[in-house]
Amino acid sequence: MSRMKLWGQSVRLPRSRPLRVVMGVIFVSMGLVGFMPVVGFWMIPVGLAILSVDSPLARRFRRRAEVWVLRRYNRWKGRGTDST
C-alpha cells in the first residue's frame, strides 16, 4: 500500500495507479452532486487529494489549498505571521 500524508495524518491508498485514479475521479464526480443525501461536497477535496498522488496539477492545487486553509486558521486563532 502507498501512503499519503494529508493534514499531518498518514492515509493508506491502493498500490495500483489506475485504481487510485478511478477512485479520485469517482469521489470528485460524486461530490459534484453533493446536494444529494449520502454524497456531499466533502467528496471533492478527498477526490482531489487522492488524485494528487498521481497528478501534478491536482498536487499543486492541494498544496495551495492546504497553505490557504492553514493561513486562515492561524489568523483566526491569532497565531498569524502577519506584522500588520
N, C-alpha and C. Protein backbone atom coordinates (compact mmCIF):
# COMPACT_ATOMS: atom_id res chain seq x y z
N MET A 1 0.83 -1.19 0.00
CA MET A 1 0.00 0.00 0.00
C MET A 1 0.87 1.25 0.00
N SER A 2 0.49 2.23 -0.79
CA SER A 2 1.20 3.50 -0.76
C SER A 2 0.53 4.39 0.28
N ARG A 3 1.26 5.36 0.76
CA ARG A 3 0.75 6.25 1.80
C ARG A 3 0.82 7.69 1.31
N MET A 4 -0.12 8.48 1.81
CA MET A 4 -0.16 9.89 1.51
C MET A 4 -0.30 10.63 2.82
N LYS A 5 0.47 11.68 2.99
CA LYS A 5 0.38 12.47 4.20
C LYS A 5 -0.49 13.68 3.91
N LEU A 6 -1.55 13.83 4.69
CA LEU A 6 -2.50 14.91 4.47
C LEU A 6 -2.93 15.47 5.81
N TRP A 7 -2.72 16.77 5.99
CA TRP A 7 -3.08 17.46 7.24
C TRP A 7 -2.42 16.80 8.44
N GLY A 8 -1.22 16.31 8.25
CA GLY A 8 -0.50 15.69 9.35
C GLY A 8 -0.86 14.24 9.63
N GLN A 9 -1.77 13.69 8.86
CA GLN A 9 -2.19 12.31 9.04
C GLN A 9 -1.70 11.47 7.87
N SER A 10 -1.31 10.25 8.12
CA SER A 10 -0.89 9.34 7.08
C SER A 10 -2.08 8.47 6.66
N VAL A 11 -2.36 8.47 5.35
CA VAL A 11 -3.52 7.75 4.82
C VAL A 11 -3.02 6.68 3.85
N ARG A 12 -3.53 5.47 3.99
CA ARG A 12 -3.15 4.38 3.08
C ARG A 12 -4.00 4.45 1.81
N LEU A 13 -3.34 4.28 0.67
CA LEU A 13 -4.01 4.25 -0.62
C LEU A 13 -3.65 2.96 -1.34
N PRO A 14 -4.48 2.54 -2.30
CA PRO A 14 -4.14 1.34 -3.07
C PRO A 14 -2.82 1.52 -3.83
N ARG A 15 -2.10 0.45 -4.02
CA ARG A 15 -0.82 0.49 -4.71
C ARG A 15 -1.00 0.71 -6.21
N SER A 16 -2.12 0.29 -6.75
CA SER A 16 -2.39 0.37 -8.18
C SER A 16 -2.73 1.80 -8.59
N ARG A 17 -1.96 2.35 -9.53
CA ARG A 17 -2.19 3.72 -10.01
C ARG A 17 -3.56 3.85 -10.67
N PRO A 18 -3.95 2.94 -11.59
CA PRO A 18 -5.28 3.08 -12.20
C PRO A 18 -6.42 3.06 -11.18
N LEU A 19 -6.28 2.26 -10.14
CA LEU A 19 -7.31 2.21 -9.11
C LEU A 19 -7.39 3.54 -8.35
N ARG A 20 -6.23 4.14 -8.05
CA ARG A 20 -6.22 5.44 -7.38
C ARG A 20 -6.88 6.51 -8.24
N VAL A 21 -6.57 6.50 -9.54
CA VAL A 21 -7.15 7.50 -10.45
C VAL A 21 -8.66 7.32 -10.52
N VAL A 22 -9.11 6.09 -10.65
CA VAL A 22 -10.56 5.82 -10.72
C VAL A 22 -11.23 6.27 -9.42
N MET A 23 -10.63 5.95 -8.29
CA MET A 23 -11.20 6.37 -7.01
C MET A 23 -11.30 7.88 -6.92
N GLY A 24 -10.24 8.57 -7.31
CA GLY A 24 -10.24 10.04 -7.25
C GLY A 24 -11.29 10.64 -8.15
N VAL A 25 -11.42 10.12 -9.36
CA VAL A 25 -12.42 10.64 -10.30
C VAL A 25 -13.84 10.37 -9.77
N ILE A 26 -14.05 9.20 -9.21
CA ILE A 26 -15.37 8.88 -8.65
C ILE A 26 -15.71 9.82 -7.49
N PHE A 27 -14.76 10.06 -6.60
CA PHE A 27 -15.02 10.96 -5.48
C PHE A 27 -15.35 12.36 -5.96
N VAL A 28 -14.57 12.88 -6.92
CA VAL A 28 -14.83 14.23 -7.42
C VAL A 28 -16.18 14.30 -8.12
N SER A 29 -16.48 13.32 -8.97
CA SER A 29 -17.75 13.35 -9.70
C SER A 29 -18.94 13.19 -8.76
N MET A 30 -18.83 12.37 -7.74
CA MET A 30 -19.92 12.23 -6.78
C MET A 30 -20.06 13.50 -5.93
N GLY A 31 -18.96 14.18 -5.69
CA GLY A 31 -19.02 15.44 -4.95
C GLY A 31 -19.73 16.54 -5.70
N LEU A 32 -19.74 16.45 -7.02
CA LEU A 32 -20.43 17.46 -7.82
C LEU A 32 -21.94 17.38 -7.65
N VAL A 33 -22.44 16.24 -7.21
CA VAL A 33 -23.86 16.12 -6.89
C VAL A 33 -24.03 16.09 -5.37
N GLY A 34 -23.32 16.96 -4.71
CA GLY A 34 -23.27 16.99 -3.26
C GLY A 34 -24.56 17.35 -2.57
N PHE A 35 -25.52 17.84 -3.32
CA PHE A 35 -26.80 18.19 -2.71
C PHE A 35 -27.63 16.95 -2.40
N MET A 36 -27.20 15.78 -2.91
CA MET A 36 -27.94 14.54 -2.66
C MET A 36 -27.61 14.03 -1.25
N PRO A 37 -28.45 13.15 -0.68
CA PRO A 37 -28.31 12.76 0.72
C PRO A 37 -26.96 12.18 1.14
N VAL A 38 -26.53 11.05 0.64
CA VAL A 38 -25.34 10.39 1.17
C VAL A 38 -24.05 11.05 0.70
N VAL A 39 -24.00 11.36 -0.57
CA VAL A 39 -22.80 12.02 -1.09
C VAL A 39 -22.83 13.47 -0.67
N GLY A 40 -21.69 14.11 -0.72
CA GLY A 40 -21.65 15.51 -0.30
C GLY A 40 -20.49 16.23 -0.95
N PHE A 41 -20.48 17.53 -0.75
CA PHE A 41 -19.42 18.34 -1.33
C PHE A 41 -18.06 18.01 -0.71
N TRP A 42 -18.04 17.34 0.44
CA TRP A 42 -16.80 16.93 1.08
C TRP A 42 -16.01 15.95 0.21
N MET A 43 -16.69 15.32 -0.73
CA MET A 43 -16.02 14.31 -1.57
C MET A 43 -15.07 14.94 -2.60
N ILE A 44 -15.30 16.21 -2.96
CA ILE A 44 -14.44 16.86 -3.95
C ILE A 44 -13.01 17.00 -3.44
N PRO A 45 -12.77 17.58 -2.25
CA PRO A 45 -11.38 17.67 -1.79
C PRO A 45 -10.74 16.30 -1.52
N VAL A 46 -11.55 15.33 -1.10
CA VAL A 46 -10.99 13.98 -0.88
C VAL A 46 -10.55 13.38 -2.21
N GLY A 47 -11.38 13.53 -3.24
CA GLY A 47 -11.01 13.03 -4.57
C GLY A 47 -9.79 13.73 -5.12
N LEU A 48 -9.70 15.05 -4.92
CA LEU A 48 -8.51 15.77 -5.39
C LEU A 48 -7.26 15.35 -4.63
N ALA A 49 -7.42 15.05 -3.35
CA ALA A 49 -6.27 14.58 -2.57
C ALA A 49 -5.80 13.23 -3.08
N ILE A 50 -6.73 12.34 -3.43
CA ILE A 50 -6.34 11.04 -3.98
C ILE A 50 -5.68 11.22 -5.33
N LEU A 51 -6.24 12.09 -6.16
CA LEU A 51 -5.64 12.34 -7.48
C LEU A 51 -4.28 13.02 -7.38
N SER A 52 -4.04 13.76 -6.29
CA SER A 52 -2.78 14.49 -6.17
C SER A 52 -1.57 13.56 -6.03
N VAL A 53 -1.82 12.30 -5.72
CA VAL A 53 -0.71 11.34 -5.64
C VAL A 53 -0.11 11.13 -7.03
N ASP A 54 -0.96 11.14 -8.07
CA ASP A 54 -0.52 10.84 -9.42
C ASP A 54 -0.54 12.02 -10.38
N SER A 55 -1.19 13.11 -10.03
CA SER A 55 -1.35 14.23 -10.94
C SER A 55 -0.66 15.48 -10.39
N PRO A 56 0.32 16.01 -11.14
CA PRO A 56 0.99 17.23 -10.68
C PRO A 56 0.03 18.42 -10.55
N LEU A 57 -0.96 18.52 -11.43
CA LEU A 57 -1.91 19.62 -11.36
C LEU A 57 -2.75 19.54 -10.08
N ALA A 58 -3.26 18.36 -9.77
CA ALA A 58 -4.03 18.18 -8.54
C ALA A 58 -3.14 18.36 -7.31
N ARG A 59 -1.89 17.92 -7.39
CA ARG A 59 -0.96 18.08 -6.27
C ARG A 59 -0.73 19.56 -5.99
N ARG A 60 -0.54 20.36 -7.02
CA ARG A 60 -0.32 21.79 -6.86
C ARG A 60 -1.56 22.45 -6.24
N PHE A 61 -2.75 22.06 -6.72
CA PHE A 61 -3.98 22.61 -6.17
C PHE A 61 -4.14 22.23 -4.70
N ARG A 62 -3.84 20.99 -4.35
CA ARG A 62 -3.96 20.55 -2.96
C ARG A 62 -3.01 21.30 -2.05
N ARG A 63 -1.76 21.50 -2.50
CA ARG A 63 -0.78 22.21 -1.68
C ARG A 63 -1.19 23.66 -1.46
N ARG A 64 -1.66 24.31 -2.52
CA ARG A 64 -2.11 25.70 -2.38
C ARG A 64 -3.30 25.79 -1.45
N ALA A 65 -4.24 24.87 -1.58
CA ALA A 65 -5.42 24.88 -0.71
C ALA A 65 -5.02 24.63 0.74
N GLU A 66 -4.09 23.73 0.95
CA GLU A 66 -3.64 23.42 2.31
C GLU A 66 -2.98 24.64 2.95
N VAL A 67 -2.14 25.32 2.20
CA VAL A 67 -1.48 26.52 2.72
C VAL A 67 -2.51 27.61 3.01
N TRP A 68 -3.48 27.77 2.12
CA TRP A 68 -4.51 28.79 2.29
C TRP A 68 -5.33 28.52 3.55
N VAL A 69 -5.74 27.27 3.73
CA VAL A 69 -6.54 26.92 4.91
C VAL A 69 -5.74 27.11 6.19
N LEU A 70 -4.49 26.67 6.20
CA LEU A 70 -3.66 26.81 7.41
C LEU A 70 -3.40 28.28 7.74
N ARG A 71 -3.20 29.11 6.74
CA ARG A 71 -3.01 30.55 7.00
C ARG A 71 -4.26 31.17 7.60
N ARG A 72 -5.42 30.83 7.04
CA ARG A 72 -6.66 31.38 7.57
C ARG A 72 -6.91 30.86 8.98
N TYR A 73 -6.63 29.59 9.23
CA TYR A 73 -6.82 29.02 10.56
C TYR A 73 -5.91 29.70 11.57
N ASN A 74 -4.65 29.88 11.22
CA ASN A 74 -3.71 30.53 12.13
C ASN A 74 -4.10 31.98 12.39
N ARG A 75 -4.59 32.66 11.36
CA ARG A 75 -5.03 34.04 11.54
C ARG A 75 -6.25 34.08 12.46
N TRP A 76 -7.15 33.14 12.30
CA TRP A 76 -8.34 33.07 13.13
C TRP A 76 -7.99 32.78 14.59
N LYS A 77 -6.99 31.92 14.78
CA LYS A 77 -6.55 31.57 16.13
C LYS A 77 -5.65 32.63 16.73
N GLY A 78 -5.25 33.63 15.95
CA GLY A 78 -4.39 34.68 16.46
C GLY A 78 -2.91 34.35 16.42
N ARG A 79 -2.57 33.34 15.64
CA ARG A 79 -1.15 32.96 15.55
C ARG A 79 -0.58 33.34 14.20
N GLY A 80 -1.16 34.32 13.55
CA GLY A 80 -0.72 34.70 12.20
C GLY A 80 0.68 35.27 12.20
N THR A 81 1.33 35.17 11.07
CA THR A 81 2.68 35.70 10.93
C THR A 81 2.67 37.09 10.33
N ASP A 82 1.47 37.64 10.07
CA ASP A 82 1.39 38.99 9.50
C ASP A 82 1.80 39.99 10.56
N SER A 83 2.57 41.00 10.15
CA SER A 83 3.04 42.01 11.10
C SER A 83 2.16 43.25 11.04
N THR A 84 0.96 43.17 10.50
CA THR A 84 0.09 44.34 10.42
C THR A 84 -0.80 44.47 11.61
